[in-house]
Amino acid sequence: MIRWNRMDEDGMVGIEAAIILITAIVAASVLSMVILDLGYFSADKTQSVAAKGVNQAGTTVVTVGSIHGVERGESLGAFRVTFAIPAGSDLIDFSAVQVTVATPDTISMLSAADPLVTASPAAGTWGIIRRMPAAADGDLFLEDNERFTIEASLPDGEEIPVKGEFVLTVILPGGGTFRFAGVAPSKTDPVMVLT
């Protein structure tokens, strides 16, 4: 009886190729999972950094209507600005707001009137002269669907002369700012539209 001893390695080559192919597929899938996981981590990190940046930027305000100037003598003695917050923004605590007025010669840091809600703030102070709607909460927080009109009254002797330059700055508690730069009108009226 004759026994065949086959010494071909064709069968082994096929099995080895299959093992190598399976190993390559497993390695590729592990690598792709690692890359996807890094992508998800990166997206989460980007989202958290963006959210943190938005929170650090603070809430902003928008002006509603025109900015008005109020005459004192023959000069510009006060500013009136109506503020609202954009939809979806955080409320603003107006008791922590700071107001400055700068001219080429002076920088005036106006103190808050006491009480802050007043019909007419004294010279050198600023106050909230109107809250809308009239049924606002009665607090000093500017919230959605509310408007606060502030009047910033310059100190006596620091009124802005005709055609004088100025910068009105309102600094919000979260670090946001509102700035309005302009020139006083060439003719004063009791109330002047500056914008």
Protein backbone atom coordinates (compact mmCIF):
# COMPACT_ATOMS: atom_id res chain seq x y z
CA MET A 1 0.00 0.00 0.00
CA ILE A 2 1.30 3.38 -0.97
CA ARG A 3 0.88 6.33 1.24
CA TRP A 4 0.77 9.77 -0.14
CA ASN A 5 2.68 12.35 1.78
CA ARG A 6 1.74 15.63 0.49
CA MET A 7 4.23 18.39 1.11
CA ASP A 8 2.32 21.22 -0.61
CA GLU A 9 1.94 24.32 1.40
CA ASP A 10 -0.91 25.70 -0.68
CA GLY A 11 -3.40 24.89 2.02
CA MET A 12 -1.30 26.57 4.67
CA VAL A 13 -0.83 29.68 2.59
CA GLY A 14 -4.61 30.09 2.30
CA ILE A 15 -5.11 29.74 6.06
CA GLU A 16 -2.24 32.12 6.79
CA ALA A 17 -3.66 34.66 4.36
CA ALA A 18 -7.07 34.40 6.02
CA ILE A 19 -5.52 34.92 9.48
CA ILE A 20 -3.52 37.92 8.26
CA LEU A 21 -6.64 39.39 6.60
CA ILE A 22 -8.72 38.94 9.76
CA THR A 23 -5.94 40.50 11.85
CA ALA A 24 -5.74 43.47 9.49
CA ILE A 25 -9.53 43.97 9.66
CA VAL A 26 -9.51 43.83 13.48
CA ALA A 27 -6.57 46.26 13.66
CA ALA A 28 -8.29 48.66 11.24
CA SER A 29 -11.54 48.56 13.21
CA VAL A 30 -9.70 49.21 16.50
CA LEU A 31 -7.84 52.12 14.88
CA SER A 32 -11.07 53.57 13.48
CA MET A 33 -12.74 53.32 16.91
CA VAL A 34 -9.80 55.14 18.49
CA ILE A 35 -10.02 57.89 15.85
CA LEU A 36 -13.80 58.20 16.29
CA ASP A 37 -13.40 58.38 20.06
CA LEU A 38 -10.81 61.14 19.68
CA GLY A 39 -13.21 62.96 17.36
CA TYR A 40 -16.03 62.76 19.91
CA PHE A 41 -13.70 63.90 22.68
CA SER A 42 -12.49 66.79 20.54
CA ALA A 43 -16.06 67.82 19.70
CA ASP A 44 -17.06 67.70 23.38
CA LYS A 45 -14.01 69.73 24.36
CA THR A 46 -14.74 72.31 21.65
CA GLN A 47 -18.34 72.59 22.80
CA SER A 48 -17.35 73.07 26.45
CA VAL A 49 -14.73 75.68 25.55
CA ALA A 50 -17.26 77.57 23.42
CA ALA A 51 -19.86 77.48 26.21
CA LYS A 52 -17.28 78.67 28.72
CA GLY A 53 -16.29 81.52 26.41
CA VAL A 54 -19.89 82.61 25.97
CA ASN A 55 -20.38 82.61 29.74
CA GLN A 56 -17.20 84.63 30.26
CA ALA A 57 -18.20 87.15 27.62
CA GLY A 58 -21.19 88.10 29.73
CA THR A 59 -24.56 89.32 28.76
CA THR A 60 -24.91 92.11 26.28
CA VAL A 61 -27.50 94.82 26.00
CA VAL A 62 -29.06 96.47 23.00
CA THR A 63 -30.35 100.00 22.78
CA VAL A 64 -33.96 100.61 21.91
CA GLY A 65 -34.75 103.80 20.04
CA SER A 66 -32.53 106.84 19.88
CA ILE A 67 -29.96 108.06 22.36
CA HIS A 68 -30.99 111.47 23.67
CA GLY A 69 -29.06 114.34 25.14
CA VAL A 70 -30.48 116.67 27.77
CA GLU A 71 -29.59 120.36 27.77
CA ARG A 72 -28.03 122.05 30.78
CA GLY A 73 -27.40 125.73 30.19
CA GLU A 74 -26.10 126.00 26.63
CA SER A 75 -24.35 122.61 26.79
CA LEU A 76 -25.07 118.89 26.80
CA GLY A 77 -25.59 117.95 30.45
CA ALA A 78 -27.03 114.42 30.45
CA PHE A 79 -27.68 111.35 28.30
CA ARG A 80 -30.78 109.14 28.13
CA VAL A 81 -30.47 105.60 26.78
CA THR A 82 -33.07 102.81 26.76
CA PHE A 83 -31.70 99.29 27.15
CA ALA A 84 -33.15 95.82 26.56
CA ILE A 85 -31.51 92.40 26.49
CA PRO A 86 -31.50 90.14 23.43
CA ALA A 87 -33.77 87.10 23.57
CA GLY A 88 -32.21 84.23 25.47
CA SER A 89 -29.67 86.38 27.33
CA ASP A 90 -29.18 86.34 31.07
CA LEU A 91 -30.72 89.07 33.16
CA ILE A 92 -28.58 92.06 34.12
CA ASP A 93 -28.29 93.43 37.64
CA PHE A 94 -28.37 97.19 37.08
CA SER A 95 -27.32 97.87 40.68
CA ALA A 96 -23.82 96.70 39.62
CA VAL A 97 -23.62 98.74 36.39
CA GLN A 98 -20.94 101.44 36.06
CA VAL A 99 -21.27 104.51 33.84
CA THR A 100 -18.48 106.77 32.59
CA VAL A 101 -18.39 109.74 30.25
CA ALA A 102 -15.10 110.72 28.65
CA THR A 103 -14.27 113.93 26.80
CA PRO A 104 -10.90 115.05 25.42
CA ASP A 105 -10.31 116.86 28.75
CA THR A 106 -11.96 114.70 31.44
CA ILE A 107 -13.16 111.24 32.38
CA SER A 108 -16.16 111.26 34.69
CA MET A 109 -17.09 108.10 36.60
CA LEU A 110 -20.70 108.66 37.52
CA SER A 111 -21.92 107.15 40.76
CA ALA A 112 -25.28 105.43 41.01
CA ALA A 113 -28.13 107.58 42.26
CA ASP A 114 -29.59 106.75 45.66
CA PRO A 115 -32.22 105.42 45.18
CA LEU A 116 -31.24 104.04 41.77
CA VAL A 117 -34.78 104.34 40.40
CA THR A 118 -35.37 108.08 40.30
CA ALA A 119 -37.24 110.63 38.21
CA SER A 120 -34.15 112.78 37.68
CA PRO A 121 -30.66 111.85 38.92
CA ALA A 122 -28.54 114.58 40.51
CA ALA A 123 -25.51 115.98 38.69
CA GLY A 124 -22.63 113.49 38.71
CA THR A 125 -24.90 110.45 39.08
CA TRP A 126 -26.87 108.09 36.90
CA GLY A 127 -30.19 106.43 37.55
CA ILE A 128 -33.03 104.44 36.05
CA ILE A 129 -35.70 106.97 35.10
CA ARG A 130 -38.17 104.58 33.45
CA ARG A 131 -38.93 100.85 33.56
CA MET A 132 -41.17 99.26 30.95
CA PRO A 133 -43.60 97.66 31.16
CA ALA A 134 -44.88 99.72 34.05
CA ALA A 135 -45.68 96.45 35.84
CA ALA A 136 -42.02 95.34 35.78
CA ASP A 137 -41.00 93.23 38.77
CA GLY A 138 -39.90 96.30 40.70
CA ASP A 139 -36.36 94.97 41.09
CA LEU A 140 -33.16 96.24 39.52
CA PHE A 141 -32.76 93.26 37.17
CA LEU A 142 -33.29 93.88 33.46
CA GLU A 143 -35.03 90.75 32.18
CA ASP A 144 -36.61 89.50 28.94
CA ASN A 145 -39.39 91.76 27.67
CA GLU A 146 -38.33 94.63 29.94
CA ARG A 147 -36.70 97.96 29.13
CA PHE A 148 -34.79 100.30 31.39
CA THR A 149 -34.15 103.92 30.45
CA ILE A 150 -31.18 105.38 32.27
CA GLU A 151 -30.15 109.00 32.55
CA ALA A 152 -26.47 109.76 33.04
CA SER A 153 -26.12 113.29 34.41
CA LEU A 154 -22.70 114.89 34.08
CA PRO A 155 -21.11 116.62 37.09
CA ASP A 156 -21.61 120.39 37.33
CA GLY A 157 -18.94 122.20 35.35
CA GLU A 158 -18.19 119.15 33.14
CA GLU A 159 -21.00 119.63 30.64
CA ILE A 160 -20.11 118.98 27.01
CA PRO A 161 -19.98 122.19 24.98
CA VAL A 162 -21.49 122.63 21.53
CA LYS A 163 -19.63 120.40 19.02
CA GLY A 164 -17.69 118.80 21.89
CA GLU A 165 -16.65 115.15 21.55
CA PHE A 166 -17.65 112.52 24.10
CA VAL A 167 -17.74 108.77 24.75
CA LEU A 168 -20.50 107.34 26.94
CA THR A 169 -19.59 103.91 28.37
CA VAL A 170 -21.88 101.59 30.31
CA ILE A 171 -20.01 98.68 31.92
CA LEU A 172 -22.17 95.65 32.73
CA PRO A 173 -21.58 93.31 35.70
CA GLY A 174 -20.47 90.37 33.51
CA GLY A 175 -17.81 92.42 31.75
CA GLY A 176 -19.85 93.42 28.70
CA THR A 177 -19.81 97.06 27.68
CA PHE A 178 -21.90 99.49 25.71
CA ARG A 179 -20.09 102.46 24.15
CA PHE A 180 -21.46 105.43 22.29
CA ALA A 181 -19.08 107.98 20.83
CA GLY A 182 -20.40 111.20 19.40
CA VAL A 183 -20.26 114.94 19.05
CA ALA A 184 -22.61 117.34 20.82
CA PRO A 185 -25.01 119.12 18.44
CA SER A 186 -24.14 122.59 17.17
CA LYS A 187 -27.40 123.92 18.63
CA THR A 188 -28.83 122.72 21.92
CA ASP A 189 -32.47 121.98 22.66
CA PRO A 190 -34.06 120.81 25.92
CA VAL A 191 -33.93 117.22 24.58
CA MET A 192 -31.70 116.36 21.60
CA VAL A 193 -31.54 113.21 19.47
CA LEU A 194 -27.89 112.15 19.35
CA THR A 195 -28.24 109.06 17.13
